[in-house]
Amino acid sequence: MELSDLLTIRGTKEQVAEEKAEKVHRDERTYGDFERTFRLSTSIDPNKIKATYSLGVLTVTLPKAETAKPHLALLRAALPPGVPRASVEVCGMCT
């Protein structure tokens, strides 16, 4: 894997000889080199990307950056007098 604003995954799928009791008329599996490139959103933290490979499945985890996660903010100034104070979930960058 390479990290930048692009995530590139490349590898080689090797053909494994399987013994079969019956004759195979068509084998549609592809073998050889492969490469896939994905553009990363700015909301992804590239330093925390993790990948695992198990039982033929590649799992890539792309965690959101802290600045992209929803934050709870107390909006006291925006509430008129007499309205109970409440926490409101706000998306985006919240300081």
PDB file of N, CA and C in Angstrom:
ATOM      1  N   MET A   1       0.842  -1.178   0.000  1.00  0.00           N
ATOM      2  CA  MET A   1       0.000   0.000   0.000  1.00  0.00           C
ATOM      3  C   MET A   1       0.883   1.234   0.000  1.00  0.00           C
ATOM      4  N   GLU A   2       0.426   2.265  -0.685  1.00  0.00           N
ATOM      5  CA  GLU A   2       1.089   3.565  -0.675  1.00  0.00           C
ATOM      6  C   GLU A   2       0.130   4.564  -0.058  1.00  0.00           C
ATOM      7  N   LEU A   3       0.675   5.547   0.677  1.00  0.00           N
ATOM      8  CA  LEU A   3      -0.175   6.551   1.290  1.00  0.00           C
ATOM      9  C   LEU A   3       0.134   7.925   0.722  1.00  0.00           C
ATOM     10  N   SER A   4      -0.879   8.644   0.363  1.00  0.00           N
ATOM     11  CA  SER A   4      -0.844  10.048  -0.036  1.00  0.00           C
ATOM     12  C   SER A   4      -2.300  10.447  -0.045  1.00  0.00           C
ATOM     13  N   ASP A   5      -2.744  11.260  -1.015  1.00  0.00           N
ATOM     14  CA  ASP A   5      -4.183  11.490  -1.119  1.00  0.00           C
ATOM     15  C   ASP A   5      -4.826  10.353  -1.907  1.00  0.00           C
ATOM     16  N   LEU A   6      -3.992   9.408  -2.343  1.00  0.00           N
ATOM     17  CA  LEU A   6      -4.479   8.211  -3.033  1.00  0.00           C
ATOM     18  C   LEU A   6      -4.069   6.985  -2.230  1.00  0.00           C
ATOM     19  N   LEU A   7      -4.928   5.998  -2.210  1.00  0.00           N
ATOM     20  CA  LEU A   7      -4.596   4.710  -1.609  1.00  0.00           C
ATOM     21  C   LEU A   7      -4.498   3.712  -2.748  1.00  0.00           C
ATOM     22  N   THR A   8      -3.318   3.118  -2.921  1.00  0.00           N
ATOM     23  CA  THR A   8      -3.107   2.139  -3.981  1.00  0.00           C
ATOM     24  C   THR A   8      -2.863   0.779  -3.348  1.00  0.00           C
ATOM     25  N   ILE A   9      -3.625  -0.196  -3.804  1.00  0.00           N
ATOM     26  CA  ILE A   9      -3.464  -1.572  -3.342  1.00  0.00           C
ATOM     27  C   ILE A   9      -3.069  -2.397  -4.552  1.00  0.00           C
ATOM     28  N   ARG A  10      -1.939  -3.096  -4.442  1.00  0.00           N
ATOM     29  CA  ARG A  10      -1.507  -3.927  -5.571  1.00  0.00           C
ATOM     30  C   ARG A  10      -1.011  -5.263  -5.048  1.00  0.00           C
ATOM     31  N   GLY A  11      -1.093  -6.240  -5.904  1.00  0.00           N
ATOM     32  CA  GLY A  11      -0.652  -7.569  -5.515  1.00  0.00           C
ATOM     33  C   GLY A  11      -0.665  -8.513  -6.696  1.00  0.00           C
ATOM     34  N   THR A  12      -0.446  -9.768  -6.416  1.00  0.00           N
ATOM     35  CA  THR A  12      -0.450 -10.810  -7.435  1.00  0.00           C
ATOM     36  C   THR A  12      -1.289 -11.971  -6.933  1.00  0.00           C
ATOM     37  N   LYS A  13      -2.225 -12.394  -7.755  1.00  0.00           N
ATOM     38  CA  LYS A  13      -3.029 -13.568  -7.438  1.00  0.00           C
ATOM     39  C   LYS A  13      -2.443 -14.724  -8.225  1.00  0.00           C
ATOM     40  N   GLU A  14      -1.950 -15.722  -7.486  1.00  0.00           N
ATOM     41  CA  GLU A  14      -1.312 -16.863  -8.135  1.00  0.00           C
ATOM     42  C   GLU A  14      -2.319 -17.980  -8.354  1.00  0.00           C
ATOM     43  N   GLN A  15      -2.143 -18.688  -9.444  1.00  0.00           N
ATOM     44  CA  GLN A  15      -3.022 -19.806  -9.753  1.00  0.00           C
ATOM     45  C   GLN A  15      -2.598 -21.003  -8.913  1.00  0.00           C
ATOM     46  N   VAL A  16      -3.559 -21.582  -8.230  1.00  0.00           N
ATOM     47  CA  VAL A  16      -3.299 -22.745  -7.393  1.00  0.00           C
ATOM     48  C   VAL A  16      -3.902 -23.953  -8.090  1.00  0.00           C
ATOM     49  N   ALA A  17      -3.083 -24.968  -8.277  1.00  0.00           N
ATOM     50  CA  ALA A  17      -3.578 -26.179  -8.940  1.00  0.00           C
ATOM     51  C   ALA A  17      -4.503 -26.928  -7.994  1.00  0.00           C
ATOM     52  N   GLU A  18      -5.719 -27.187  -8.462  1.00  0.00           N
ATOM     53  CA  GLU A  18      -6.695 -27.926  -7.667  1.00  0.00           C
ATOM     54  C   GLU A  18      -6.963 -29.265  -8.334  1.00  0.00           C
ATOM     55  N   GLU A  19      -7.004 -30.289  -7.531  1.00  0.00           N
ATOM     56  CA  GLU A  19      -7.344 -31.601  -8.079  1.00  0.00           C
ATOM     57  C   GLU A  19      -8.850 -31.747  -8.060  1.00  0.00           C
ATOM     58  N   LYS A  20      -9.401 -32.056  -9.213  1.00  0.00           N
ATOM     59  CA  LYS A  20     -10.843 -32.238  -9.312  1.00  0.00           C
ATOM     60  C   LYS A  20     -11.117 -33.588  -9.954  1.00  0.00           C
ATOM     61  N   ALA A  21     -12.151 -34.232  -9.477  1.00  0.00           N
ATOM     62  CA  ALA A  21     -12.525 -35.537 -10.016  1.00  0.00           C
ATOM     63  C   ALA A  21     -13.196 -35.399 -11.376  1.00  0.00           C
ATOM     64  N   GLU A  22     -13.744 -34.225 -11.644  1.00  0.00           N
ATOM     65  CA  GLU A  22     -14.444 -34.026 -12.908  1.00  0.00           C
ATOM     66  C   GLU A  22     -13.653 -33.080 -13.811  1.00  0.00           C
ATOM     67  N   LYS A  23     -13.973 -33.089 -15.059  1.00  0.00           N
ATOM     68  CA  LYS A  23     -13.289 -32.246 -16.033  1.00  0.00           C
ATOM     69  C   LYS A  23     -13.850 -30.820 -15.960  1.00  0.00           C
ATOM     70  N   VAL A  24     -12.962 -29.836 -15.987  1.00  0.00           N
ATOM     71  CA  VAL A  24     -13.387 -28.435 -15.955  1.00  0.00           C
ATOM     72  C   VAL A  24     -13.519 -27.942 -17.385  1.00  0.00           C
ATOM     73  N   HIS A  25     -14.684 -27.427 -17.728  1.00  0.00           N
ATOM     74  CA  HIS A  25     -14.914 -26.919 -19.076  1.00  0.00           C
ATOM     75  C   HIS A  25     -14.546 -25.444 -19.197  1.00  0.00           C
ATOM     76  N   ARG A  26     -14.714 -24.715 -18.100  1.00  0.00           N
ATOM     77  CA  ARG A  26     -14.394 -23.292 -18.147  1.00  0.00           C
ATOM     78  C   ARG A  26     -13.951 -22.848 -16.750  1.00  0.00           C
ATOM     79  N   ASP A  27     -12.873 -22.105 -16.689  1.00  0.00           N
ATOM     80  CA  ASP A  27     -12.381 -21.564 -15.425  1.00  0.00           C
ATOM     81  C   ASP A  27     -12.352 -20.059 -15.583  1.00  0.00           C
ATOM     82  N   GLU A  28     -13.248 -19.347 -14.894  1.00  0.00           N
ATOM     83  CA  GLU A  28     -13.380 -17.899 -15.079  1.00  0.00           C
ATOM     84  C   GLU A  28     -12.592 -17.091 -14.066  1.00  0.00           C
ATOM     85  N   ARG A  29     -11.792 -17.709 -13.286  1.00  0.00           N
ATOM     86  CA  ARG A  29     -10.990 -16.962 -12.321  1.00  0.00           C
ATOM     87  C   ARG A  29      -9.832 -16.285 -13.033  1.00  0.00           C
ATOM     88  N   THR A  30      -9.509 -15.090 -12.592  1.00  0.00           N
ATOM     89  CA  THR A  30      -8.377 -14.377 -13.187  1.00  0.00           C
ATOM     90  C   THR A  30      -7.173 -14.466 -12.250  1.00  0.00           C
ATOM     91  N   TYR A  31      -6.019 -14.544 -12.840  1.00  0.00           N
ATOM     92  CA  TYR A  31      -4.774 -14.656 -12.096  1.00  0.00           C
ATOM     93  C   TYR A  31      -3.804 -13.616 -12.616  1.00  0.00           C
ATOM     94  N   GLY A  32      -2.799 -13.320 -11.815  1.00  0.00           N
ATOM     95  CA  GLY A  32      -1.769 -12.379 -12.221  1.00  0.00           C
ATOM     96  C   GLY A  32      -1.768 -11.133 -11.353  1.00  0.00           C
ATOM     97  N   ASP A  33      -1.133 -10.093 -11.861  1.00  0.00           N
ATOM     98  CA  ASP A  33      -0.995  -8.838 -11.125  1.00  0.00           C
ATOM     99  C   ASP A  33      -2.298  -8.050 -11.159  1.00  0.00           C
ATOM    100  N   PHE A  34      -2.547  -7.313 -10.072  1.00  0.00           N
ATOM    101  CA  PHE A  34      -3.696  -6.413 -10.030  1.00  0.00           C
ATOM    102  C   PHE A  34      -3.301  -5.151  -9.281  1.00  0.00           C
ATOM    103  N   GLU A  35      -4.043  -4.080  -9.533  1.00  0.00           N
ATOM    104  CA  GLU A  35      -3.805  -2.807  -8.861  1.00  0.00           C
ATOM    105  C   GLU A  35      -5.104  -2.026  -8.843  1.00  0.00           C
ATOM    106  N   ARG A  36      -5.444  -1.463  -7.689  1.00  0.00           N
ATOM    107  CA  ARG A  36      -6.616  -0.606  -7.551  1.00  0.00           C
ATOM    108  C   ARG A  36      -6.183   0.649  -6.814  1.00  0.00           C
ATOM    109  N   THR A  37      -6.651   1.798  -7.291  1.00  0.00           N
ATOM    110  CA  THR A  37      -6.325   3.074  -6.663  1.00  0.00           C
ATOM    111  C   THR A  37      -7.616   3.786  -6.288  1.00  0.00           C
ATOM    112  N   PHE A  38      -7.643   4.316  -5.061  1.00  0.00           N
ATOM    113  CA  PHE A  38      -8.798   5.035  -4.543  1.00  0.00           C
ATOM    114  C   PHE A  38      -8.349   6.410  -4.073  1.00  0.00           C
ATOM    115  N   ARG A  39      -9.138   7.433  -4.374  1.00  0.00           N
ATOM    116  CA  ARG A  39      -8.844   8.780  -3.870  1.00  0.00           C
ATOM    117  C   ARG A  39      -9.393   8.874  -2.450  1.00  0.00           C
ATOM    118  N   LEU A  40      -8.558   9.324  -1.519  1.00  0.00           N
ATOM    119  CA  LEU A  40      -8.967   9.443  -0.127  1.00  0.00           C
ATOM    120  C   LEU A  40      -9.653  10.778   0.112  1.00  0.00           C
ATOM    121  N   SER A  41     -10.713  10.741   0.860  1.00  0.00           N
ATOM    122  CA  SER A  41     -11.393  11.956   1.289  1.00  0.00           C
ATOM    123  C   SER A  41     -10.490  12.684   2.283  1.00  0.00           C
ATOM    124  N   THR A  42     -10.633  13.981   2.388  1.00  0.00           N
ATOM    125  CA  THR A  42      -9.840  14.736   3.361  1.00  0.00           C
ATOM    126  C   THR A  42     -10.272  14.418   4.785  1.00  0.00           C
ATOM    127  N   SER A  43     -11.409  13.748   4.949  1.00  0.00           N
ATOM    128  CA  SER A  43     -11.868  13.393   6.293  1.00  0.00           C
ATOM    129  C   SER A  43     -11.216  12.107   6.812  1.00  0.00           C
ATOM    130  N   ILE A  44     -10.369  11.459   6.006  1.00  0.00           N
ATOM    131  CA  ILE A  44      -9.684  10.221   6.408  1.00  0.00           C
ATOM    132  C   ILE A  44      -8.320  10.563   7.003  1.00  0.00           C
ATOM    133  N   ASP A  45      -7.967   9.897   8.097  1.00  0.00           N
ATOM    134  CA  ASP A  45      -6.643  10.058   8.698  1.00  0.00           C
ATOM    135  C   ASP A  45      -5.712   9.019   8.071  1.00  0.00           C
ATOM    136  N   PRO A  46      -4.847   9.422   7.122  1.00  0.00           N
ATOM    137  CA  PRO A  46      -4.005   8.448   6.415  1.00  0.00           C
ATOM    138  C   PRO A  46      -2.991   7.739   7.313  1.00  0.00           C
ATOM    139  N   ASN A  47      -2.659   8.329   8.458  1.00  0.00           N
ATOM    140  CA  ASN A  47      -1.688   7.711   9.365  1.00  0.00           C
ATOM    141  C   ASN A  47      -2.285   6.570  10.178  1.00  0.00           C
ATOM    142  N   LYS A  48      -3.610   6.418  10.150  1.00  0.00           N
ATOM    143  CA  LYS A  48      -4.260   5.376  10.946  1.00  0.00           C
ATOM    144  C   LYS A  48      -4.918   4.297  10.089  1.00  0.00           C
ATOM    145  N   ILE A  49      -4.634   4.286   8.786  1.00  0.00           N
ATOM    146  CA  ILE A  49      -5.192   3.256   7.911  1.00  0.00           C
ATOM    147  C   ILE A  49      -4.579   1.913   8.278  1.00  0.00           C
ATOM    148  N   LYS A  50      -5.435   0.903   8.384  1.00  0.00           N
ATOM    149  CA  LYS A  50      -4.958  -0.448   8.706  1.00  0.00           C
ATOM    150  C   LYS A  50      -5.524  -1.420   7.685  1.00  0.00           C
ATOM    151  N   ALA A  51      -4.760  -2.467   7.406  1.00  0.00           N
ATOM    152  CA  ALA A  51      -5.214  -3.502   6.476  1.00  0.00           C
ATOM    153  C   ALA A  51      -4.898  -4.867   7.070  1.00  0.00           C
ATOM    154  N   THR A  52      -5.848  -5.795   6.896  1.00  0.00           N
ATOM    155  CA  THR A  52      -5.637  -7.177   7.307  1.00  0.00           C
ATOM    156  C   THR A  52      -6.064  -8.084   6.165  1.00  0.00           C
ATOM    157  N   TYR A  53      -5.421  -9.232   6.078  1.00  0.00           N
ATOM    158  CA  TYR A  53      -5.746 -10.214   5.049  1.00  0.00           C
ATOM    159  C   TYR A  53      -5.970 -11.542   5.745  1.00  0.00           C
ATOM    160  N   SER A  54      -7.166 -12.103   5.582  1.00  0.00           N
ATOM    161  CA  SER A  54      -7.491 -13.363   6.235  1.00  0.00           C
ATOM    162  C   SER A  54      -8.460 -14.157   5.379  1.00  0.00           C
ATOM    163  N   LEU A  55      -8.142 -15.414   5.155  1.00  0.00           N
ATOM    164  CA  LEU A  55      -9.004 -16.335   4.408  1.00  0.00           C
ATOM    165  C   LEU A  55      -9.395 -15.786   3.038  1.00  0.00           C
ATOM    166  N   GLY A  56      -8.445 -15.132   2.378  1.00  0.00           N
ATOM    167  CA  GLY A  56      -8.696 -14.631   1.028  1.00  0.00           C
ATOM    168  C   GLY A  56      -9.406 -13.298   0.951  1.00  0.00           C
ATOM    169  N   VAL A  57      -9.630 -12.639   2.093  1.00  0.00           N
ATOM    170  CA  VAL A  57     -10.332 -11.354   2.101  1.00  0.00           C
ATOM    171  C   VAL A  57      -9.407 -10.273   2.644  1.00  0.00           C
ATOM    172  N   LEU A  58      -9.231  -9.198   1.875  1.00  0.00           N
ATOM    173  CA  LEU A  58      -8.466  -8.039   2.318  1.00  0.00           C
ATOM    174  C   LEU A  58      -9.444  -7.037   2.911  1.00  0.00           C
ATOM    175  N   THR A  59      -9.223  -6.661   4.166  1.00  0.00           N
ATOM    176  CA  THR A  59     -10.061  -5.670   4.836  1.00  0.00           C
ATOM    177  C   THR A  59      -9.211  -4.440   5.101  1.00  0.00           C
ATOM    178  N   VAL A  60      -9.633  -3.291   4.579  1.00  0.00           N
ATOM    179  CA  VAL A  60      -8.924  -2.028   4.777  1.00  0.00           C
ATOM    180  C   VAL A  60      -9.817  -1.133   5.621  1.00  0.00           C
ATOM    181  N   THR A  61      -9.287  -0.649   6.748  1.00  0.00           N
ATOM    182  CA  THR A  61     -10.027   0.235   7.640  1.00  0.00           C
ATOM    183  C   THR A  61      -9.510   1.651   7.459  1.00  0.00           C
ATOM    184  N   LEU A  62     -10.421   2.578   7.139  1.00  0.00           N
ATOM    185  CA  LEU A  62     -10.078   3.978   6.895  1.00  0.00           C
ATOM    186  C   LEU A  62     -10.744   4.836   7.970  1.00  0.00           C
ATOM    187  N   PRO A  63     -10.059   5.085   9.093  1.00  0.00           N
ATOM    188  CA  PRO A  63     -10.687   5.863  10.161  1.00  0.00           C
ATOM    189  C   PRO A  63     -10.768   7.346   9.816  1.00  0.00           C
ATOM    190  N   LYS A  64     -11.824   7.979  10.309  1.00  0.00           N
ATOM    191  CA  LYS A  64     -11.986   9.417  10.092  1.00  0.00           C
ATOM    192  C   LYS A  64     -10.967  10.183  10.921  1.00  0.00           C
ATOM    193  N   ALA A  65     -10.546  11.318  10.397  1.00  0.00           N
ATOM    194  CA  ALA A  65      -9.656  12.209  11.136  1.00  0.00           C
ATOM    195  C   ALA A  65     -10.453  12.832  12.278  1.00  0.00           C
ATOM    196  N   GLU A  66      -9.777  13.194  13.356  1.00  0.00           N
ATOM    197  CA  GLU A  66     -10.457  13.788  14.507  1.00  0.00           C
ATOM    198  C   GLU A  66     -11.244  15.035  14.110  1.00  0.00           C
ATOM    199  N   THR A  67     -10.719  15.831  13.201  1.00  0.00           N
ATOM    200  CA  THR A  67     -11.410  17.061  12.802  1.00  0.00           C
ATOM    201  C   THR A  67     -12.663  16.779  11.995  1.00  0.00           C
ATOM    202  N   ALA A  68     -12.803  15.572  11.449  1.00  0.00           N
ATOM    203  CA  ALA A  68     -13.969  15.239  10.631  1.00  0.00           C
ATOM    204  C   ALA A  68     -15.071  14.566  11.435  1.00  0.00           C
ATOM    205  N   LYS A  69     -14.773  14.144  12.663  1.00  0.00           N
ATOM    206  CA  LYS A  69     -15.775  13.455  13.471  1.00  0.00           C
ATOM    207  C   LYS A  69     -16.769  14.460  14.043  1.00  0.00           C
ATOM    208  N   PRO A  70     -18.018  14.043  14.187  1.00  0.00           N
ATOM    209  CA  PRO A  70     -19.008  14.923  14.815  1.00  0.00           C
ATOM    210  C   PRO A  70     -18.608  15.200  16.262  1.00  0.00           C
ATOM    211  N   HIS A  71     -18.859  16.391  16.708  1.00  0.00           N
ATOM    212  CA  HIS A  71     -18.536  16.790  18.075  1.00  0.00           C
ATOM    213  C   HIS A  71     -19.810  17.214  18.781  1.00  0.00           C
ATOM    214  N   LEU A  72     -19.814  17.082  20.093  1.00  0.00           N
ATOM    215  CA  LEU A  72     -20.912  17.623  20.875  1.00  0.00           C
ATOM    216  C   LEU A  72     -20.518  19.022  21.307  1.00  0.00           C
ATOM    217  N   ALA A  73     -21.409  19.969  21.098  1.00  0.00           N
ATOM    218  CA  ALA A  73     -21.130  21.350  21.467  1.00  0.00           C
ATOM    219  C   ALA A  73     -22.323  21.898  22.232  1.00  0.00           C
ATOM    220  N   LEU A  74     -22.069  22.685  23.228  1.00  0.00           N
ATOM    221  CA  LEU A  74     -23.130  23.314  23.988  1.00  0.00           C
ATOM    222  C   LEU A  74     -23.371  24.685  23.375  1.00  0.00           C
ATOM    223  N   LEU A  75     -24.542  24.883  22.814  1.00  0.00           N
ATOM    224  CA  LEU A  75     -24.856  26.124  22.110  1.00  0.00           C
ATOM    225  C   LEU A  75     -25.651  27.040  23.032  1.00  0.00           C
ATOM    226  N   ARG A  76     -25.001  27.629  24.003  1.00  0.00           N
ATOM    227  CA  ARG A  76     -25.684  28.478  24.976  1.00  0.00           C
ATOM    228  C   ARG A  76     -26.049  29.832  24.386  1.00  0.00           C
ATOM    229  N   ALA A  77     -25.158  30.443  23.648  1.00  0.00           N
ATOM    230  CA  ALA A  77     -25.403  31.794  23.146  1.00  0.00           C
ATOM    231  C   ALA A  77     -26.528  31.819  22.118  1.00  0.00           C
ATOM    232  N   ALA A  78     -26.748  30.728  21.408  1.00  0.00           N
ATOM    233  CA  ALA A  78     -27.744  30.708  20.347  1.00  0.00           C
ATOM    234  C   ALA A  78     -29.156  30.463  20.869  1.00  0.00           C
ATOM    235  N   LEU A  79     -29.293  30.049  22.125  1.00  0.00           N
ATOM    236  CA  LEU A  79     -30.612  29.741  22.667  1.00  0.00           C
ATOM    237  C   LEU A  79     -31.226  30.973  23.322  1.00  0.00           C
ATOM    238  N   PRO A  80     -32.500  31.244  23.051  1.00  0.00           N
ATOM    239  CA  PRO A  80     -33.154  32.388  23.688  1.00  0.00           C
ATOM    240  C   PRO A  80     -33.355  32.128  25.178  1.00  0.00           C
ATOM    241  N   PRO A  81     -33.516  33.191  25.974  1.00  0.00           N
ATOM    242  CA  PRO A  81     -33.729  33.023  27.417  1.00  0.00           C
ATOM    243  C   PRO A  81     -34.955  32.152  27.682  1.00  0.00           C
ATOM    244  N   GLY A  82     -34.866  31.299  28.687  1.00  0.00           N
ATOM    245  CA  GLY A  82     -35.981  30.444  29.061  1.00  0.00           C
ATOM    246  C   GLY A  82     -35.976  29.087  28.383  1.00  0.00           C
ATOM    247  N   VAL A  83     -35.176  28.920  27.342  1.00  0.00           N
ATOM    248  CA  VAL A  83     -35.100  27.629  26.658  1.00  0.00           C
ATOM    249  C   VAL A  83     -34.069  26.779  27.392  1.00  0.00           C
ATOM    250  N   PRO A  84     -34.431  25.531  27.744  1.00  0.00           N
ATOM    251  CA  PRO A  84     -33.470  24.678  28.461  1.00  0.00           C
ATOM    252  C   PRO A  84     -32.192  24.466  27.647  1.00  0.00           C
ATOM    253  N   ARG A  85     -31.100  24.427  28.363  1.00  0.00           N
ATOM    254  CA  ARG A  85     -29.812  24.182  27.713  1.00  0.00           C
ATOM    255  C   ARG A  85     -29.736  22.717  27.307  1.00  0.00           C
ATOM    256  N   ALA A  86     -29.148  22.436  26.143  1.00  0.00           N
ATOM    257  CA  ALA A  86     -29.038  21.057  25.664  1.00  0.00           C
ATOM    258  C   ALA A  86     -27.788  20.911  24.826  1.00  0.00           C
ATOM    259  N   SER A  87     -27.283  19.714  24.780  1.00  0.00           N
ATOM    260  CA  SER A  87     -26.162  19.422  23.896  1.00  0.00           C
ATOM    261  C   SER A  87     -26.710  19.097  22.519  1.00  0.00           C
ATOM    262  N   VAL A  88     -26.041  19.588  21.507  1.00  0.00           N
ATOM    263  CA  VAL A  88     -26.474  19.386  20.134  1.00  0.00           C
ATOM    264  C   VAL A  88     -25.324  18.768  19.368  1.00  0.00           C
ATOM    265  N   GLU A  89     -25.604  17.727  18.581  1.00  0.00           N
ATOM    266  CA  GLU A  89     -24.560  17.110  17.768  1.00  0.00           C
ATOM    267  C   GLU A  89     -24.375  17.937  16.514  1.00  0.00           C
ATOM    268  N   VAL A  90     -23.138  18.341  16.263  1.00  0.00           N
ATOM    269  CA  VAL A  90     -22.822  19.190  15.126  1.00  0.00           C
ATOM    270  C   VAL A  90     -21.813  18.462  14.257  1.00  0.00           C
ATOM    271  N   CYS A  91     -22.037  18.438  12.950  1.00  0.00           N
ATOM    272  CA  CYS A  91     -21.085  17.808  12.037  1.00  0.00           C
ATOM    273  C   CYS A  91     -20.054  18.826  11.589  1.00  0.00           C
ATOM    274  N   GLY A  92     -18.939  18.325  11.169  1.00  0.00           N
ATOM    275  CA  GLY A  92     -17.909  19.197  10.620  1.00  0.00           C
ATOM    276  C   GLY A  92     -16.901  19.578  11.678  1.00  0.00           C
ATOM    277  N   MET A  93     -16.189  20.640  11.387  1.00  0.00           N
ATOM    278  CA  MET A  93     -15.139  21.078  12.294  1.00  0.00           C
ATOM    279  C   MET A  93     -15.761  21.958  13.366  1.00  0.00           C
ATOM    280  N   CYS A  94     -15.566  21.586  14.607  1.00  0.00           N
ATOM    281  CA  CYS A  94     -16.194  22.268  15.732  1.00  0.00           C
ATOM    282  C   CYS A  94     -15.118  22.526  16.769  1.00  0.00           C
ATOM    283  N   THR A  95     -14.969  23.758  17.186  1.00  0.00           N
ATOM    284  CA  THR A  95     -13.942  24.052  18.196  1.00  0.00           C
ATOM    285  C   THR A  95     -14.569  24.520  19.473  1.00  0.00           C
TER     286      THR A  95
END
